[in-house]
C-alpha atoms as a PDB file:
ATOM      1  CA  MET A   1     -75.502  50.457  34.098  1.00  0.00           C
ATOM      2  CA  ASP A   2     -74.777  52.361  37.284  1.00  0.00           C
ATOM      3  CA  THR A   3     -71.218  53.632  37.108  1.00  0.00           C
ATOM      4  CA  ALA A   4     -70.726  54.003  40.858  1.00  0.00           C
ATOM      5  CA  GLY A   5     -67.615  52.115  41.903  1.00  0.00           C
ATOM      6  CA  VAL A   6     -66.174  51.904  38.369  1.00  0.00           C
ATOM      7  CA  THR A   7     -62.379  52.088  38.416  1.00  0.00           C
ATOM      8  CA  ALA A   8     -59.947  53.876  36.166  1.00  0.00           C
ATOM      9  CA  LEU A   9     -59.512  50.620  34.236  1.00  0.00           C
ATOM     10  CA  GLY A  10     -63.197  50.713  33.352  1.00  0.00           C
ATOM     11  CA  LEU A  11     -64.165  47.838  35.639  1.00  0.00           C
ATOM     12  CA  SER A  12     -66.220  48.055  38.794  1.00  0.00           C
ATOM     13  CA  ASP A  13     -64.768  47.067  42.147  1.00  0.00           C
ATOM     14  CA  GLU A  14     -66.871  43.885  42.053  1.00  0.00           C
ATOM     15  CA  ALA A  15     -65.514  42.880  38.625  1.00  0.00           C
ATOM     16  CA  ARG A  16     -61.939  43.526  39.721  1.00  0.00           C
ATOM     17  CA  SER A  17     -62.579  41.486  42.864  1.00  0.00           C
ATOM     18  CA  LEU A  18     -63.771  38.511  40.807  1.00  0.00           C
ATOM     19  CA  HIS A  19     -60.709  38.811  38.564  1.00  0.00           C
ATOM     20  CA  TRP A  20     -58.551  38.787  41.696  1.00  0.00           C
ATOM     21  CA  LEU A  21     -60.341  35.694  43.060  1.00  0.00           C
ATOM     22  CA  LEU A  22     -59.843  33.891  39.756  1.00  0.00           C
ATOM     23  CA  THR A  23     -56.164  34.848  39.630  1.00  0.00           C
ATOM     24  CA  ASP A  24     -55.760  33.570  43.175  1.00  0.00           C
ATOM     25  CA  LEU A  25     -57.373  30.240  42.250  1.00  0.00           C
ATOM     26  CA  VAL A  26     -55.043  29.765  39.276  1.00  0.00           C
ATOM     27  CA  GLU A  27     -51.863  30.858  41.027  1.00  0.00           C
ATOM     28  CA  GLU A  28     -52.399  29.276  44.441  1.00  0.00           C
ATOM     29  CA  VAL A  29     -53.790  25.834  43.583  1.00  0.00           C
ATOM     30  CA  PRO A  30     -51.167  23.384  42.298  1.00  0.00           C
ATOM     31  CA  GLY A  31     -52.154  21.629  39.095  1.00  0.00           C
ATOM     32  CA  VAL A  32     -54.726  24.144  37.864  1.00  0.00           C
ATOM     33  CA  LEU A  33     -54.142  24.703  34.155  1.00  0.00           C
ATOM     34  CA  SER A  34     -57.047  26.942  33.196  1.00  0.00           C
ATOM     35  CA  VAL A  35     -60.281  28.306  34.589  1.00  0.00           C
ATOM     36  CA  ALA A  36     -63.444  29.689  33.014  1.00  0.00           C
ATOM     37  CA  VAL A  37     -66.589  31.212  34.488  1.00  0.00           C
ATOM     38  CA  VAL A  38     -69.528  30.782  32.145  1.00  0.00           C
ATOM     39  CA  SER A  39     -72.950  32.416  32.428  1.00  0.00           C
ATOM     40  CA  SER A  40     -76.107  30.308  32.672  1.00  0.00           C
ATOM     41  CA  ASP A  41     -76.656  30.902  28.946  1.00  0.00           C
ATOM     42  CA  GLY A  42     -73.148  29.651  28.062  1.00  0.00           C
ATOM     43  CA  LEU A  43     -71.281  32.930  27.582  1.00  0.00           C
ATOM     44  CA  LEU A  44     -67.718  33.345  28.851  1.00  0.00           C
ATOM     45  CA  LEU A  45     -67.565  35.839  31.746  1.00  0.00           C
ATOM     46  CA  LEU A  46     -64.073  35.350  33.208  1.00  0.00           C
ATOM     47  CA  SER A  47     -61.098  33.232  32.309  1.00  0.00           C
ATOM     48  CA  SER A  48     -57.529  32.476  33.260  1.00  0.00           C
ATOM     49  CA  SER A  49     -56.349  33.248  29.747  1.00  0.00           C
ATOM     50  CA  PRO A  50     -54.505  36.595  29.616  1.00  0.00           C
ATOM     51  CA  GLU A  51     -56.140  37.597  26.350  1.00  0.00           C
ATOM     52  CA  ARG A  52     -59.571  37.133  27.910  1.00  0.00           C
ATOM     53  CA  THR A  53     -59.233  39.097  31.139  1.00  0.00           C
ATOM     54  CA  ALA A  54     -58.985  42.665  32.323  1.00  0.00           C
ATOM     55  CA  PRO A  55     -56.080  44.680  30.977  1.00  0.00           C
ATOM     56  CA  ALA A  56     -53.007  45.065  33.141  1.00  0.00           C
ATOM     57  CA  GLY A  57     -53.110  48.121  35.307  1.00  0.00           C
ATOM     58  CA  PRO A  58     -50.608  50.209  37.207  1.00  0.00           C
ATOM     59  CA  ALA A  59     -48.634  48.773  40.121  1.00  0.00           C
ATOM     60  CA  GLY A  60     -50.964  47.313  42.696  1.00  0.00           C
ATOM     61  CA  ALA A  61     -53.829  46.854  40.199  1.00  0.00           C
ATOM     62  CA  PRO A  62     -55.021  43.350  39.309  1.00  0.00           C
ATOM     63  CA  GLN A  63     -52.969  41.796  36.571  1.00  0.00           C
ATOM     64  CA  PRO A  64     -54.377  39.406  33.957  1.00  0.00           C
ATOM     65  CA  CYS A  65     -54.992  35.879  35.160  1.00  0.00           C
ATOM     66  CA  GLY A  66     -52.922  32.921  34.039  1.00  0.00           C
ATOM     67  CA  ALA A  67     -49.501  34.152  35.093  1.00  0.00           C
ATOM     68  CA  ARG A  68     -48.103  30.632  34.782  1.00  0.00           C
ATOM     69  CA  GLY A  69     -48.474  30.648  31.016  1.00  0.00           C
ATOM     70  CA  THR A  70     -50.226  27.271  31.047  1.00  0.00           C
ATOM     71  CA  GLU A  71     -52.894  26.567  28.537  1.00  0.00           C
ATOM     72  CA  GLY A  72     -56.280  24.922  28.670  1.00  0.00           C
ATOM     73  CA  PRO A  73     -57.781  22.553  26.131  1.00  0.00           C
ATOM     74  CA  ARG A  74     -56.174  23.250  22.759  1.00  0.00           C
ATOM     75  CA  GLY A  75     -54.832  26.439  24.278  1.00  0.00           C
ATOM     76  CA  SER A  76     -58.170  28.211  24.209  1.00  0.00           C
ATOM     77  CA  THR A  77     -60.273  29.391  27.104  1.00  0.00           C
ATOM     78  CA  ALA A  78     -63.143  29.669  24.632  1.00  0.00           C
ATOM     79  CA  ASP A  79     -62.871  25.891  24.162  1.00  0.00           C
ATOM     80  CA  LEU A  80     -62.927  25.369  27.941  1.00  0.00           C
ATOM     81  CA  ALA A  81     -65.959  27.662  28.248  1.00  0.00           C
ATOM     82  CA  THR A  82     -67.785  25.680  25.546  1.00  0.00           C
ATOM     83  CA  ILE A  83     -66.972  22.383  27.250  1.00  0.00           C
ATOM     84  CA  VAL A  84     -68.068  23.711  30.655  1.00  0.00           C
ATOM     85  CA  ALA A  85     -71.359  25.038  29.252  1.00  0.00           C
ATOM     86  CA  GLY A  86     -72.041  21.771  27.440  1.00  0.00           C
ATOM     87  CA  LEU A  87     -71.198  19.602  30.430  1.00  0.00           C
ATOM     88  CA  GLY A  88     -73.343  21.823  32.647  1.00  0.00           C
ATOM     89  CA  SER A  89     -76.289  21.460  30.286  1.00  0.00           C
ATOM     90  CA  LEU A  90     -75.832  17.697  30.011  1.00  0.00           C
ATOM     91  CA  THR A  91     -75.656  17.137  33.761  1.00  0.00           C
ATOM     92  CA  THR A  92     -78.624  19.436  34.412  1.00  0.00           C
ATOM     93  CA  GLY A  93     -80.671  17.447  31.913  1.00  0.00           C
ATOM     94  CA  ALA A  94     -79.558  14.163  33.465  1.00  0.00           C
ATOM     95  CA  ALA A  95     -80.440  15.395  36.951  1.00  0.00           C
ATOM     96  CA  ALA A  96     -83.898  16.431  35.744  1.00  0.00           C
ATOM     97  CA  LEU A  97     -84.513  13.000  34.197  1.00  0.00           C
ATOM     98  CA  MET A  98     -83.417  11.329  37.423  1.00  0.00           C
ATOM     99  CA  ASP A  99     -85.316  13.723  39.715  1.00  0.00           C
ATOM    100  CA  GLY A 100     -81.921  14.524  41.244  1.00  0.00           C
ATOM    101  CA  GLY A 101     -82.445  18.208  41.939  1.00  0.00           C
ATOM    102  CA  VAL A 102     -79.823  20.860  41.273  1.00  0.00           C
ATOM    103  CA  VAL A 103     -76.386  19.737  40.071  1.00  0.00           C
ATOM    104  CA  LYS A 104     -73.774  21.144  42.428  1.00  0.00           C
ATOM    105  CA  GLN A 105     -70.547  19.696  41.061  1.00  0.00           C
ATOM    106  CA  THR A 106     -69.306  17.507  38.219  1.00  0.00           C
ATOM    107  CA  MET A 107     -65.881  15.919  37.934  1.00  0.00           C
ATOM    108  CA  VAL A 108     -64.352  14.231  34.915  1.00  0.00           C
ATOM    109  CA  ALA A 109     -61.144  12.299  35.560  1.00  0.00           C
ATOM    110  CA  MET A 110     -59.024  11.630  32.467  1.00  0.00           C
ATOM    111  CA  ASP A 111     -55.597  10.086  31.941  1.00  0.00           C
ATOM    112  CA  GLY A 112     -54.295  13.499  30.916  1.00  0.00           C
ATOM    113  CA  GLY A 113     -55.984  15.643  33.553  1.00  0.00           C
ATOM    114  CA  GLY A 114     -59.229  16.556  35.164  1.00  0.00           C
ATOM    115  CA  LEU A 115     -62.219  18.787  34.574  1.00  0.00           C
ATOM    116  CA  PHE A 116     -64.248  20.142  37.466  1.00  0.00           C
ATOM    117  CA  VAL A 117     -67.482  22.079  37.024  1.00  0.00           C
ATOM    118  CA  MET A 118     -69.269  23.718  39.941  1.00  0.00           C
ATOM    119  CA  THR A 119     -72.536  25.646  39.889  1.00  0.00           C
ATOM    120  CA  ILE A 120     -72.501  29.234  41.121  1.00  0.00           C
ATOM    121  CA  SER A 121     -75.642  30.438  42.886  1.00  0.00           C
ATOM    122  CA  ASP A 122     -76.995  32.376  39.892  1.00  0.00           C
ATOM    123  CA  GLY A 123     -76.736  29.404  37.510  1.00  0.00           C
ATOM    124  CA  SER A 124     -73.350  30.387  36.157  1.00  0.00           C
ATOM    125  CA  LEU A 125     -70.656  27.726  36.132  1.00  0.00           C
ATOM    126  CA  LEU A 126     -67.052  27.613  37.303  1.00  0.00           C
ATOM    127  CA  GLY A 127     -64.948  25.226  35.237  1.00  0.00           C
ATOM    128  CA  VAL A 128     -61.398  24.184  36.127  1.00  0.00           C
ATOM    129  CA  HIS A 129     -59.050  22.141  33.921  1.00  0.00           C
ATOM    130  CA  THR A 130     -56.281  20.453  35.904  1.00  0.00           C
ATOM    131  CA  ALA A 131     -53.124  18.451  35.456  1.00  0.00           C
ATOM    132  CA  PRO A 132     -53.444  14.704  36.099  1.00  0.00           C
ATOM    133  CA  ASP A 133     -51.426  14.850  39.321  1.00  0.00           C
ATOM    134  CA  CYS A 134     -53.480  17.560  41.052  1.00  0.00           C
ATOM    135  CA  ASP A 135     -55.006  16.967  44.472  1.00  0.00           C
ATOM    136  CA  MET A 136     -58.702  16.792  43.606  1.00  0.00           C
ATOM    137  CA  SER A 137     -59.814  17.567  47.149  1.00  0.00           C
ATOM    138  CA  ILE A 138     -57.805  20.810  47.198  1.00  0.00           C
ATOM    139  CA  VAL A 139     -59.167  21.832  43.792  1.00  0.00           C
ATOM    140  CA  ALA A 140     -62.754  21.117  44.880  1.00  0.00           C
ATOM    141  CA  TYR A 141     -62.260  22.989  48.157  1.00  0.00           C
ATOM    142  CA  GLN A 142     -60.772  26.056  46.470  1.00  0.00           C
ATOM    143  CA  MET A 143     -63.541  26.019  43.856  1.00  0.00           C
ATOM    144  CA  ALA A 144     -66.135  25.948  46.642  1.00  0.00           C
ATOM    145  CA  LEU A 145     -64.454  28.979  48.222  1.00  0.00           C
ATOM    146  CA  PHE A 146     -64.567  30.835  44.902  1.00  0.00           C
ATOM    147  CA  VAL A 147     -68.233  29.936  44.386  1.00  0.00           C
ATOM    148  CA  GLY A 148     -69.085  31.062  47.908  1.00  0.00           C
ATOM    149  CA  ARG A 149     -67.349  34.388  47.421  1.00  0.00           C
ATOM    150  CA  ALA A 150     -68.514  35.015  43.850  1.00  0.00           C
ATOM    151  CA  GLY A 151     -72.077  33.820  44.146  1.00  0.00           C
ATOM    152  CA  HIS A 152     -73.440  36.765  46.082  1.00  0.00           C
ATOM    153  CA  VAL A 153     -71.839  39.434  43.872  1.00  0.00           C
ATOM    154  CA  LEU A 154     -72.544  37.924  40.449  1.00  0.00           C
ATOM    155  CA  THR A 155     -75.587  40.075  39.744  1.00  0.00           C
ATOM    156  CA  PRO A 156     -77.146  40.501  36.294  1.00  0.00           C
ATOM    157  CA  GLU A 157     -75.415  43.887  36.044  1.00  0.00           C
ATOM    158  CA  LEU A 158     -72.015  42.404  36.893  1.00  0.00           C
ATOM    159  CA  ARG A 159     -72.518  39.531  34.434  1.00  0.00           C
ATOM    160  CA  ARG A 160     -73.299  42.111  31.739  1.00  0.00           C
ATOM    161  CA  GLU A 161     -70.166  44.100  32.641  1.00  0.00           C
ATOM    162  CA  LEU A 162     -67.968  40.992  32.586  1.00  0.00           C
ATOM    163  CA  ARG A 163     -69.419  39.842  29.273  1.00  0.00           C
ATOM    164  CA  GLN A 164     -68.804  43.265  27.732  1.00  0.00           C
ATOM    165  CA  SER A 165     -65.187  43.266  28.970  1.00  0.00           C
ATOM    166  CA  VAL A 166     -64.623  39.827  27.376  1.00  0.00           C
ATOM    167  CA  GLU A 167     -66.136  41.029  24.091  1.00  0.00           C
ATOM    168  CA  ALA A 168     -64.040  44.214  24.143  1.00  0.00           C
ATOM    169  CA  VAL A 169     -60.807  42.239  24.554  1.00  0.00           C
ATOM    170  CA  GLY A 170     -61.795  39.425  22.163  1.00  0.00           C
END
């Protein structure tokens, strides 16, 4: 991997930028409990769980996501990532059977919360678990902003870097 742009924390500027975008999504959108970005082959790339993100850096450096201390399904971002990957696969298969084209977004409304899954341009998925009282339109809008910003930088090299950082922490 080209090391140009790699920071003192061992992450490239692009990886740190995606961590910042994810942190912003979690902290700025009311009702968001947890977030996971999953690669097209189902591997966790980014999450809102502190134990699954970049290490805390010096003042001014991106801090781990999930500052609220809220937890996703069963408290595990790995569980959320598995659910997001499975739901993505299921809806892609359904769309193929129905000649529906590419799945852009999936929403599951439950008594105890919501699950939103949005496709990122490279086939990766953004999954968001929410509280039941969240404003779904705000969540969907903010997810679309994240996808728009992340989609053009999520290169194979960056996905590899993010996956390696998750494995190093996990």
